């Protein structure tokens, strides 16, 4: 284990849940303890309601890399060639990050979703951690079998994702940093899974999916285990930044069946609608034995450009009733009117409710552009009346002769 951190600040996490009680967030600092040992510092949260790995890309604070706008594919464990990375020069782009979120209990009796919004890691973590700028962290945790697992992960998020895994620190993004981040997040998911097994306050039948999104400079990295989904809007086009982990999908079905599991009416072992999740230890015991239900996340990452407008992160209650493209269209239209990511998140939740979703609902909208691309307001009647056109001298002369000829008739 790494030595204990000193002078650790409390970390404010924005997490908003509407009309349902939410447990307060706690913060933990001692690295030298086991993942299940908890040290509370301070509660400072206000709760209101296929590809390849990036290679040879260095993104400093000034973001001096010149990258192609069209050929930056989503990557997950592979490499970009130089030709794919440097196809044409583009204007320097630095994401201007702002976000909004909205959550609703939906038609369910209990709220089992949790989420986190941190638009500026540098401010939230202070001098203890050093990250490229801008830096941001978001997470959606969709619980099942009770709220305990999702609530535990959210409460312990800073310890789980940054402290216990010795999260890499640097002022610029390069290939080594990317690899270290991926390894740290993989460890974080597994440590969280084991911690849920050890914590007596979490039922063995409680579990949660987990999707996290990080922004470091121009790098967007998404880690996902379960059926929450992240969708990027690039010039109006929906780009999936995660893959749903459902047992009926061929790749997941093969893995499940190879590990002795089975699919019954779309459910893993006739019980669970996802094939990857944290917790659910009544399906993973005995501990250490191979299980068809795993906590292993999948990663997708890309370099943001000026064409990338916003990211939608939502639980499956959204995606059960609408496609990625429909969600992007709805949010994009709204942002062009009001330029408010929180209102955009609310609109998406309301649309899912209108479409009769049967689940809890949580949405985070992360905007990357500071450009005001709102649609212009329609002209007022007075403005329309004042419009005029100009005529050439020749046209005016012809019009005068025409009018005089008509008058002499």
Foldseek 3Di string as FASTA:
>chain_A
DDAWDPPWDAFEWEKEAAPADADFAFEATGLVDALQDGDGDDGDYDYDGDAAAEAPDKQFLQRPDFFDPPQWDKYFHHYDDPCSGPVDGDPRAWFDKDKAKYWYFFQDPHAQKIKTWFQAVCVRGPPRAAAAPRKIKIKIKGKDPDNVLNSVCRNHVCCLQDNNLPQDGDHMDHRVNVVSNLVSVQNSLVSSLVSLVVDPVHDLQMWIWMWMWMDGTQKIKIWTFAAWWKWWQFLLDTDTFADHAFCVDVVLVVLQVVLPWHADPRAINVPHGGQEIRGNNVQVPPPPHDGSYYSGITMIMTGDDPRTFKMKIKGVLLVVQDPRSVLSVQLVLVCLAVVDNNVSNVSSVVVSSVSPRDGIIMMMMMTGDPDNNHDDDDDDPVVVVPDDDDDDPVVVVVVVVVVVVVVVD
